[in-house]
C-alpha atoms as a PDB file:
ATOM      1  CA  MET A   1     -30.065 129.841 -62.950  1.00  0.00           C
ATOM      2  CA  GLN A   2     -26.515 128.487 -62.681  1.00  0.00           C
ATOM      3  CA  ASN A   3     -26.059 124.734 -62.997  1.00  0.00           C
ATOM      4  CA  ASP A   4     -23.025 122.548 -63.633  1.00  0.00           C
ATOM      5  CA  LEU A   5     -24.568 121.248 -66.883  1.00  0.00           C
ATOM      6  CA  LEU A   6     -25.217 124.725 -68.265  1.00  0.00           C
ATOM      7  CA  LEU A   7     -22.920 127.588 -67.327  1.00  0.00           C
ATOM      8  CA  VAL A   8     -24.413 131.081 -67.545  1.00  0.00           C
ATOM      9  CA  GLN A   9     -21.945 133.916 -68.073  1.00  0.00           C
ATOM     10  CA  THR A  10     -23.102 137.529 -68.381  1.00  0.00           C
ATOM     11  CA  ASP A  11     -21.035 140.397 -69.776  1.00  0.00           C
ATOM     12  CA  GLY A  12     -23.068 143.576 -70.091  1.00  0.00           C
ATOM     13  CA  ARG A  13     -26.109 142.815 -72.213  1.00  0.00           C
ATOM     14  CA  VAL A  14     -24.554 139.655 -73.649  1.00  0.00           C
ATOM     15  CA  CYS A  15     -25.193 136.280 -72.026  1.00  0.00           C
ATOM     16  CA  THR A  16     -23.110 133.234 -72.927  1.00  0.00           C
ATOM     17  CA  LEU A  17     -24.591 129.797 -72.294  1.00  0.00           C
ATOM     18  CA  VAL A  18     -21.975 127.043 -72.101  1.00  0.00           C
ATOM     19  CA  LEU A  19     -22.993 123.427 -72.687  1.00  0.00           C
ATOM     20  CA  ASN A  20     -20.929 121.827 -69.950  1.00  0.00           C
ATOM     21  CA  ARG A  21     -20.653 118.055 -70.380  1.00  0.00           C
ATOM     22  CA  PRO A  22     -17.008 117.878 -71.533  1.00  0.00           C
ATOM     23  CA  GLU A  23     -16.680 114.234 -70.511  1.00  0.00           C
ATOM     24  CA  LYS A  24     -19.544 113.489 -72.931  1.00  0.00           C
ATOM     25  CA  ARG A  25     -18.334 115.915 -75.616  1.00  0.00           C
ATOM     26  CA  ASN A  26     -21.084 118.314 -74.545  1.00  0.00           C
ATOM     27  CA  SER A  27     -23.751 115.929 -75.782  1.00  0.00           C
ATOM     28  CA  LEU A  28     -27.376 116.706 -75.015  1.00  0.00           C
ATOM     29  CA  SER A  29     -29.306 115.033 -72.241  1.00  0.00           C
ATOM     30  CA  PRO A  30     -32.953 115.645 -71.290  1.00  0.00           C
ATOM     31  CA  GLU A  31     -31.786 117.475 -68.156  1.00  0.00           C
ATOM     32  CA  LEU A  32     -29.437 119.759 -70.089  1.00  0.00           C
ATOM     33  CA  LEU A  33     -32.127 120.481 -72.680  1.00  0.00           C
ATOM     34  CA  LYS A  34     -34.644 121.393 -69.981  1.00  0.00           C
ATOM     35  CA  LEU A  35     -32.082 123.699 -68.360  1.00  0.00           C
ATOM     36  CA  LEU A  36     -31.419 125.374 -71.699  1.00  0.00           C
ATOM     37  CA  THR A  37     -35.140 125.907 -72.226  1.00  0.00           C
ATOM     38  CA  SER A  38     -35.836 127.252 -68.738  1.00  0.00           C
ATOM     39  CA  THR A  39     -32.790 129.540 -68.814  1.00  0.00           C
ATOM     40  CA  LEU A  40     -33.789 131.084 -72.144  1.00  0.00           C
ATOM     41  CA  GLU A  41     -37.373 131.514 -70.955  1.00  0.00           C
ATOM     42  CA  GLN A  42     -36.139 133.261 -67.819  1.00  0.00           C
ATOM     43  CA  LEU A  43     -33.803 135.554 -69.764  1.00  0.00           C
ATOM     44  CA  ALA A  44     -36.638 136.428 -72.154  1.00  0.00           C
ATOM     45  CA  LYS A  45     -38.777 137.869 -69.347  1.00  0.00           C
ATOM     46  CA  ASP A  46     -37.008 141.212 -69.403  1.00  0.00           C
ATOM     47  CA  ASP A  47     -35.101 143.278 -71.941  1.00  0.00           C
ATOM     48  CA  TYR A  48     -31.755 143.396 -70.183  1.00  0.00           C
ATOM     49  CA  ILE A  49     -30.013 140.603 -72.131  1.00  0.00           C
ATOM     50  CA  ARG A  50     -30.084 141.492 -75.820  1.00  0.00           C
ATOM     51  CA  THR A  51     -27.767 138.883 -77.324  1.00  0.00           C
ATOM     52  CA  ILE A  52     -27.215 135.224 -76.466  1.00  0.00           C
ATOM     53  CA  VAL A  53     -24.099 133.226 -77.336  1.00  0.00           C
ATOM     54  CA  ILE A  54     -24.219 129.425 -77.122  1.00  0.00           C
ATOM     55  CA  ARG A  55     -20.973 127.429 -77.086  1.00  0.00           C
ATOM     56  CA  GLY A  56     -19.541 124.176 -75.804  1.00  0.00           C
ATOM     57  CA  SER A  57     -17.113 123.836 -72.932  1.00  0.00           C
ATOM     58  CA  GLY A  58     -13.501 123.204 -73.822  1.00  0.00           C
ATOM     59  CA  ASP A  59     -12.101 123.597 -77.329  1.00  0.00           C
ATOM     60  CA  LYS A  60     -12.845 120.255 -78.995  1.00  0.00           C
ATOM     61  CA  ALA A  61     -16.624 119.869 -79.137  1.00  0.00           C
ATOM     62  CA  PHE A  62     -19.423 122.358 -79.595  1.00  0.00           C
ATOM     63  CA  CYS A  63     -21.953 119.571 -79.120  1.00  0.00           C
ATOM     64  CA  ALA A  64     -21.725 115.908 -80.082  1.00  0.00           C
ATOM     65  CA  GLY A  65     -25.511 115.671 -80.436  1.00  0.00           C
ATOM     66  CA  TYR A  66     -28.060 113.784 -78.387  1.00  0.00           C
ATOM     67  CA  ASP A  67     -26.396 111.389 -75.943  1.00  0.00           C
ATOM     68  CA  LEU A  68     -26.995 108.000 -77.587  1.00  0.00           C
ATOM     69  CA  ASN A  69     -26.968 106.294 -74.201  1.00  0.00           C
ATOM     70  CA  LEU A  70     -30.112 108.294 -73.404  1.00  0.00           C
ATOM     71  CA  LEU A  71     -31.770 108.066 -76.809  1.00  0.00           C
ATOM     72  CA  PRO A  72     -35.248 106.549 -76.374  1.00  0.00           C
ATOM     73  CA  THR A  73     -36.212 103.676 -78.653  1.00  0.00           C
ATOM     74  CA  GLY A  74     -39.932 103.525 -77.972  1.00  0.00           C
ATOM     75  CA  SER A  75     -41.091 107.007 -78.958  1.00  0.00           C
ATOM     76  CA  SER A  76     -40.050 110.001 -80.983  1.00  0.00           C
ATOM     77  CA  ASP A  77     -37.786 111.453 -78.315  1.00  0.00           C
ATOM     78  CA  THR A  78     -40.553 112.223 -75.845  1.00  0.00           C
ATOM     79  CA  ASP A  79     -39.632 112.484 -72.198  1.00  0.00           C
ATOM     80  CA  ASN A  80     -40.781 109.508 -70.180  1.00  0.00           C
ATOM     81  CA  GLY A  81     -44.269 109.485 -71.611  1.00  0.00           C
ATOM     82  CA  GLU A  82     -44.998 113.062 -70.570  1.00  0.00           C
ATOM     83  CA  GLY A  83     -45.737 114.022 -74.153  1.00  0.00           C
ATOM     84  CA  ILE A  84     -43.075 116.724 -74.044  1.00  0.00           C
ATOM     85  CA  ASN A  85     -40.106 116.542 -76.405  1.00  0.00           C
ATOM     86  CA  PRO A  86     -37.232 118.212 -74.501  1.00  0.00           C
ATOM     87  CA  PHE A  87     -35.112 118.592 -77.631  1.00  0.00           C
ATOM     88  CA  GLU A  88     -37.811 120.336 -79.640  1.00  0.00           C
ATOM     89  CA  GLU A  89     -38.742 122.487 -76.655  1.00  0.00           C
ATOM     90  CA  ALA A  90     -35.131 123.684 -76.417  1.00  0.00           C
ATOM     91  CA  MET A  91     -34.901 124.411 -80.147  1.00  0.00           C
ATOM     92  CA  LYS A  92     -38.196 126.299 -79.940  1.00  0.00           C
ATOM     93  CA  ALA A  93     -36.829 128.355 -77.026  1.00  0.00           C
ATOM     94  CA  ILE A  94     -33.804 129.331 -79.137  1.00  0.00           C
ATOM     95  CA  VAL A  95     -35.815 130.206 -82.236  1.00  0.00           C
ATOM     96  CA  SER A  96     -38.428 132.164 -80.291  1.00  0.00           C
ATOM     97  CA  PHE A  97     -35.984 133.996 -78.004  1.00  0.00           C
ATOM     98  CA  PRO A  98     -36.853 137.665 -78.632  1.00  0.00           C
ATOM     99  CA  TYR A  99     -33.280 138.782 -79.287  1.00  0.00           C
ATOM    100  CA  PRO A 100     -30.540 137.400 -81.580  1.00  0.00           C
ATOM    101  CA  VAL A 101     -28.847 134.126 -80.631  1.00  0.00           C
ATOM    102  CA  ILE A 102     -25.335 133.321 -81.865  1.00  0.00           C
ATOM    103  CA  ALA A 103     -23.869 129.813 -82.034  1.00  0.00           C
ATOM    104  CA  MET A 104     -20.116 129.873 -81.481  1.00  0.00           C
ATOM    105  CA  LEU A 105     -18.946 126.542 -82.847  1.00  0.00           C
ATOM    106  CA  ASN A 106     -15.721 126.106 -80.949  1.00  0.00           C
ATOM    107  CA  GLY A 107     -15.479 122.432 -81.916  1.00  0.00           C
ATOM    108  CA  TYR A 108     -17.184 119.685 -83.864  1.00  0.00           C
ATOM    109  CA  ALA A 109     -20.950 119.247 -83.918  1.00  0.00           C
ATOM    110  CA  PHE A 110     -22.949 116.182 -84.861  1.00  0.00           C
ATOM    111  CA  GLY A 111     -26.641 115.312 -85.019  1.00  0.00           C
ATOM    112  CA  GLY A 112     -28.641 117.367 -82.560  1.00  0.00           C
ATOM    113  CA  GLY A 113     -25.620 119.615 -82.019  1.00  0.00           C
ATOM    114  CA  CYS A 114     -25.790 120.642 -85.687  1.00  0.00           C
ATOM    115  CA  ASP A 115     -29.495 121.311 -85.295  1.00  0.00           C
ATOM    116  CA  LEU A 116     -28.918 123.365 -82.157  1.00  0.00           C
ATOM    117  CA  ALA A 117     -26.547 125.596 -84.130  1.00  0.00           C
ATOM    118  CA  VAL A 118     -28.999 125.813 -87.053  1.00  0.00           C
ATOM    119  CA  SER A 119     -31.683 127.003 -84.627  1.00  0.00           C
ATOM    120  CA  CYS A 120     -29.534 130.033 -83.802  1.00  0.00           C
ATOM    121  CA  ASP A 121     -29.703 133.237 -85.822  1.00  0.00           C
ATOM    122  CA  ILE A 122     -25.981 133.471 -86.584  1.00  0.00           C
ATOM    123  CA  ARG A 123     -23.328 130.738 -86.688  1.00  0.00           C
ATOM    124  CA  ILE A 124     -19.639 131.514 -86.205  1.00  0.00           C
ATOM    125  CA  GLY A 125     -17.218 128.607 -86.376  1.00  0.00           C
ATOM    126  CA  ALA A 126     -13.539 127.887 -85.949  1.00  0.00           C
ATOM    127  CA  ASP A 127     -11.791 127.053 -89.207  1.00  0.00           C
ATOM    128  CA  ASP A 128     -10.996 123.489 -88.114  1.00  0.00           C
ATOM    129  CA  ILE A 129     -14.466 122.291 -87.086  1.00  0.00           C
ATOM    130  CA  ARG A 130     -16.416 119.406 -88.608  1.00  0.00           C
ATOM    131  CA  ILE A 131     -20.138 118.723 -88.565  1.00  0.00           C
ATOM    132  CA  GLY A 132     -22.312 115.832 -89.645  1.00  0.00           C
ATOM    133  CA  MET A 133     -25.968 114.874 -89.599  1.00  0.00           C
ATOM    134  CA  VAL A 134     -25.982 111.168 -88.780  1.00  0.00           C
ATOM    135  CA  PRO A 135     -29.620 109.946 -88.610  1.00  0.00           C
ATOM    136  CA  ALA A 136     -29.081 107.810 -91.727  1.00  0.00           C
ATOM    137  CA  LYS A 137     -26.188 106.086 -89.945  1.00  0.00           C
ATOM    138  CA  LEU A 138     -28.471 105.220 -87.036  1.00  0.00           C
ATOM    139  CA  GLY A 139     -31.678 104.266 -88.816  1.00  0.00           C
ATOM    140  CA  VAL A 140     -33.597 107.336 -87.648  1.00  0.00           C
ATOM    141  CA  VAL A 141     -35.953 109.612 -89.593  1.00  0.00           C
ATOM    142  CA  TYR A 142     -35.367 113.186 -88.470  1.00  0.00           C
ATOM    143  CA  SER A 143     -38.327 115.301 -87.387  1.00  0.00           C
ATOM    144  CA  ALA A 144     -40.124 117.558 -89.855  1.00  0.00           C
ATOM    145  CA  SER A 145     -39.451 120.579 -87.641  1.00  0.00           C
ATOM    146  CA  GLY A 146     -35.738 119.791 -87.585  1.00  0.00           C
ATOM    147  CA  LEU A 147     -35.549 119.292 -91.346  1.00  0.00           C
ATOM    148  CA  LYS A 148     -37.370 122.586 -91.805  1.00  0.00           C
ATOM    149  CA  ARG A 149     -34.721 124.382 -89.745  1.00  0.00           C
ATOM    150  CA  PHE A 150     -31.996 123.021 -92.023  1.00  0.00           C
ATOM    151  CA  ILE A 151     -33.901 123.930 -95.182  1.00  0.00           C
ATOM    152  CA  ARG A 152     -34.258 127.483 -93.911  1.00  0.00           C
ATOM    153  CA  ALA A 153     -30.513 127.659 -93.222  1.00  0.00           C
ATOM    154  CA  VAL A 154     -28.904 125.907 -96.207  1.00  0.00           C
ATOM    155  CA  GLY A 155     -31.719 125.186 -98.670  1.00  0.00           C
ATOM    156  CA  LEU A 156     -33.481 122.009 -99.748  1.00  0.00           C
ATOM    157  CA  SER A 157     -30.731 120.574-101.953  1.00  0.00           C
ATOM    158  CA  ARG A 158     -27.964 120.888 -99.357  1.00  0.00           C
ATOM    159  CA  THR A 159     -30.267 119.566 -96.637  1.00  0.00           C
ATOM    160  CA  LYS A 160     -30.847 116.456 -98.740  1.00  0.00           C
ATOM    161  CA  GLU A 161     -27.101 115.989 -99.157  1.00  0.00           C
ATOM    162  CA  LEU A 162     -26.348 116.435 -95.451  1.00  0.00           C
ATOM    163  CA  PHE A 163     -29.011 113.943 -94.373  1.00  0.00           C
ATOM    164  CA  PHE A 164     -28.703 111.392 -97.181  1.00  0.00           C
ATOM    165  CA  THR A 165     -24.905 111.009 -96.928  1.00  0.00           C
ATOM    166  CA  GLY A 166     -24.375 111.365 -93.177  1.00  0.00           C
ATOM    167  CA  ARG A 167     -20.885 112.613 -94.041  1.00  0.00           C
ATOM    168  CA  HIS A 168     -18.657 114.766 -91.879  1.00  0.00           C
ATOM    169  CA  TYR A 169     -18.082 118.163 -93.479  1.00  0.00           C
ATOM    170  CA  GLN A 170     -15.290 120.630 -92.821  1.00  0.00           C
ATOM    171  CA  ALA A 171     -15.501 124.349 -92.170  1.00  0.00           C
ATOM    172  CA  PRO A 172     -14.726 125.678 -95.694  1.00  0.00           C
ATOM    173  CA  PHE A 173     -17.616 123.688 -97.157  1.00  0.00           C
ATOM    174  CA  LEU A 174     -19.898 124.790 -94.318  1.00  0.00           C
ATOM    175  CA  LYS A 175     -19.071 128.422 -95.047  1.00  0.00           C
ATOM    176  CA  GLU A 176     -19.683 127.861 -98.757  1.00  0.00           C
ATOM    177  CA  ILE A 177     -23.183 126.439 -98.282  1.00  0.00           C
ATOM    178  CA  GLY A 178     -24.228 129.032 -95.715  1.00  0.00           C
ATOM    179  CA  TYR A 179     -24.213 126.805 -92.642  1.00  0.00           C
ATOM    180  CA  LEU A 180     -21.560 129.121 -91.197  1.00  0.00           C
ATOM    181  CA  ASN A 181     -21.921 132.882 -91.417  1.00  0.00           C
ATOM    182  CA  TYR A 182     -18.251 133.229 -90.545  1.00  0.00           C
ATOM    183  CA  MET A 183     -15.262 130.860 -90.519  1.00  0.00           C
ATOM    184  CA  ILE A 184     -12.647 132.266 -88.147  1.00  0.00           C
ATOM    185  CA  PRO A 185      -9.145 131.119 -87.146  1.00  0.00           C
ATOM    186  CA  ARG A 186      -9.482 129.323 -83.832  1.00  0.00           C
ATOM    187  CA  THR A 187      -7.197 131.773 -82.029  1.00  0.00           C
ATOM    188  CA  GLU A 188      -9.517 134.650 -83.025  1.00  0.00           C
ATOM    189  CA  LEU A 189     -12.872 132.915 -82.560  1.00  0.00           C
ATOM    190  CA  GLU A 190     -13.780 134.089 -79.068  1.00  0.00           C
ATOM    191  CA  THR A 191     -12.713 137.684 -79.698  1.00  0.00           C
ATOM    192  CA  PHE A 192     -14.578 137.879 -83.000  1.00  0.00           C
ATOM    193  CA  THR A 193     -17.742 136.374 -81.506  1.00  0.00           C
ATOM    194  CA  SER A 194     -17.627 138.598 -78.420  1.00  0.00           C
ATOM    195  CA  GLU A 195     -17.219 141.729 -80.514  1.00  0.00           C
ATOM    196  CA  MET A 196     -20.145 140.832 -82.770  1.00  0.00           C
ATOM    197  CA  ALA A 197     -22.349 139.919 -79.803  1.00  0.00           C
ATOM    198  CA  ARG A 198     -21.541 143.198 -78.076  1.00  0.00           C
ATOM    199  CA  GLU A 199     -22.152 145.180 -81.281  1.00  0.00           C
ATOM    200  CA  ILE A 200     -25.569 143.563 -81.706  1.00  0.00           C
ATOM    201  CA  SER A 201     -26.494 144.075 -78.051  1.00  0.00           C
ATOM    202  CA  GLU A 202     -25.860 147.817 -78.321  1.00  0.00           C
ATOM    203  CA  ASN A 203     -28.395 148.264 -81.128  1.00  0.00           C
ATOM    204  CA  ALA A 204     -31.977 149.441 -80.626  1.00  0.00           C
ATOM    205  CA  PRO A 205     -33.937 146.755 -78.737  1.00  0.00           C
ATOM    206  CA  LEU A 206     -37.220 147.408 -80.547  1.00  0.00           C
ATOM    207  CA  SER A 207     -35.431 146.985 -83.873  1.00  0.00           C
ATOM    208  CA  LEU A 208     -33.716 143.755 -82.806  1.00  0.00           C
ATOM    209  CA  LYS A 209     -36.879 142.211 -81.411  1.00  0.00           C
ATOM    210  CA  GLY A 210     -39.122 143.452 -84.182  1.00  0.00           C
ATOM    211  CA  THR A 211     -36.834 142.367 -87.005  1.00  0.00           C
ATOM    212  CA  LYS A 212     -36.323 138.897 -85.540  1.00  0.00           C
ATOM    213  CA  ARG A 213     -40.057 138.431 -85.088  1.00  0.00           C
ATOM    214  CA  VAL A 214     -40.959 139.637 -88.591  1.00  0.00           C
ATOM    215  CA  LEU A 215     -38.287 137.394 -90.146  1.00  0.00           C
ATOM    216  CA  GLU A 216     -39.749 134.451 -88.218  1.00  0.00           C
ATOM    217  CA  LEU A 217     -43.224 135.276 -89.503  1.00  0.00           C
ATOM    218  CA  ILE A 218     -41.889 135.404 -93.056  1.00  0.00           C
ATOM    219  CA  SER A 219     -40.082 132.064 -92.612  1.00  0.00           C
ATOM    220  CA  ASN A 220     -43.303 130.472 -91.366  1.00  0.00           C
ATOM    221  CA  ALA A 221     -45.411 131.831 -94.218  1.00  0.00           C
ATOM    222  CA  THR A 222     -45.593 128.351 -95.788  1.00  0.00           C
ATOM    223  CA  ILE A 223     -47.144 125.995 -93.251  1.00  0.00           C
ATOM    224  CA  MET A 224     -47.527 122.228 -93.609  1.00  0.00           C
ATOM    225  CA  SER A 225     -51.084 120.951 -93.473  1.00  0.00           C
ATOM    226  CA  GLN A 226     -52.178 119.088 -90.355  1.00  0.00           C
ATOM    227  CA  GLU A 227     -52.431 115.909 -92.409  1.00  0.00           C
ATOM    228  CA  ALA A 228     -48.863 116.307 -93.669  1.00  0.00           C
ATOM    229  CA  LEU A 229     -47.582 117.027 -90.159  1.00  0.00           C
ATOM    230  CA  MET A 230     -49.284 113.910 -88.818  1.00  0.00           C
ATOM    231  CA  GLU A 231     -47.793 111.775 -91.588  1.00  0.00           C
ATOM    232  CA  ALA A 232     -44.302 113.173 -90.978  1.00  0.00           C
ATOM    233  CA  GLU A 233     -44.621 112.558 -87.236  1.00  0.00           C
ATOM    234  CA  GLU A 234     -45.786 108.976 -87.793  1.00  0.00           C
ATOM    235  CA  ILE A 235     -42.814 108.264 -90.057  1.00  0.00           C
ATOM    236  CA  ALA A 236     -40.397 109.650 -87.469  1.00  0.00           C
ATOM    237  CA  VAL A 237     -42.058 107.766 -84.584  1.00  0.00           C
ATOM    238  CA  ASN A 238     -41.928 104.475 -86.465  1.00  0.00           C
ATOM    239  CA  SER A 239     -38.194 104.882 -87.044  1.00  0.00           C
ATOM    240  CA  PHE A 240     -37.689 105.029 -83.265  1.00  0.00           C
ATOM    241  CA  LEU A 241     -39.484 101.687 -82.961  1.00  0.00           C
ATOM    242  CA  SER A 242     -37.382  99.992 -85.624  1.00  0.00           C
ATOM    243  CA  GLU A 243     -34.824  97.206 -85.417  1.00  0.00           C
ATOM    244  CA  ASP A 244     -32.550  99.406 -87.524  1.00  0.00           C
ATOM    245  CA  LEU A 245     -32.279 102.018 -84.779  1.00  0.00           C
ATOM    246  CA  LYS A 246     -31.206  99.373 -82.256  1.00  0.00           C
ATOM    247  CA  GLU A 247     -28.673  98.078 -84.770  1.00  0.00           C
ATOM    248  CA  GLY A 248     -27.426 101.604 -85.480  1.00  0.00           C
ATOM    249  CA  GLN A 249     -26.917 102.290 -81.770  1.00  0.00           C
ATOM    250  CA  ALA A 250     -25.124  98.972 -81.237  1.00  0.00           C
ATOM    251  CA  ALA A 251     -22.858  99.546 -84.241  1.00  0.00           C
ATOM    252  CA  PHE A 252     -21.968 103.030 -83.010  1.00  0.00           C
ATOM    253  CA  PHE A 253     -20.889 101.819 -79.571  1.00  0.00           C
ATOM    254  CA  GLU A 254     -19.125  98.754 -81.012  1.00  0.00           C
ATOM    255  CA  LYS A 255     -17.358 100.942 -83.596  1.00  0.00           C
ATOM    256  CA  ARG A 256     -18.424  98.831 -86.565  1.00  0.00           C
ATOM    257  CA  LYS A 257     -20.438  99.291 -89.722  1.00  0.00           C
ATOM    258  CA  PRO A 258     -24.173  98.718 -89.124  1.00  0.00           C
ATOM    259  CA  GLU A 259     -26.080  96.012 -90.947  1.00  0.00           C
ATOM    260  CA  PHE A 260     -29.480  97.575 -91.592  1.00  0.00           C
ATOM    261  CA  LYS A 261     -32.447  95.394 -92.559  1.00  0.00           C
ATOM    262  CA  GLY A 262     -34.997  98.058 -93.372  1.00  0.00           C
ATOM    263  CA  ARG A 263     -37.356  97.138 -90.559  1.00  0.00           C
END
C-alpha cells in the first residue's frame, strides 16, 4: 500500500496519509488520486484503523489543487475516456470512509486541495495558512458535487463568496466561517492533530461508524433531481471545452491576468 506519491504512516489505530509531491506543492494527479482511493478502500475493509489524518508533505503546502499541467480540456475531468472521474472517486472515498477523517492543513490549499479538505470530517489548520477556490480565475465551472460539499461545510452564502471572488483567504477568516474547526499555532499543529486523532480512535467503533453514517444520510436528505444533475453536469463539461479555460491555463503559467471572452 506504500507508494512514493502517497505515504502511509500507522500509529496505533490512527493512519496518516501524506500527499507526497513536494516538488509540485503536493498537487493532485490522476495517479495520486487513484492511490488515495485504493488506499482508503483497503483500510475500510477492516475495523483496525479508526481515524484517518490527511496532510501534505513538508510544511508549505497541504495541496495546491489539481495539477494544471494534467488538467484535461476535453471533458469534465474524466480519466482518458474511461468514464471514471479520479478526483470525484477520491472525494467519495473520503466522505464514505466508515470512520472519521481529519484534514491537517499544514500549508496552503487551493482548488481541489480545498475541496479535499472539505471532504474530510474535521479540518485543523496552522494559523498561517491560506486557501482559495480558483475556478473563476481559470474559466471553469465547478462540479455540483463539489459545490455541495462546500455548502455543507460553510453554507450557501460563503460558498458563493469563495467561488465568485477566487480570493485567497487567511486562517482567521477560515476559522470564522467554519472552514476550519481549529486554527492552531504551526509549532503545535502536529501534536494537537495527533492527540485529537488518537482520542477519536479510542472511542467506540460502532458509535463512530454509526454516527458518521447517520450524519451522511441526514446531509443527503435533499437530493437534486436527475434533470437538475444532468443540467449541472452539462454546464461543467462545457466549461472544460471552452476557450476561456485554455486562456486561464495559459495566463496561470505565464503569470499574467487572463483575458476571458466568455466562450
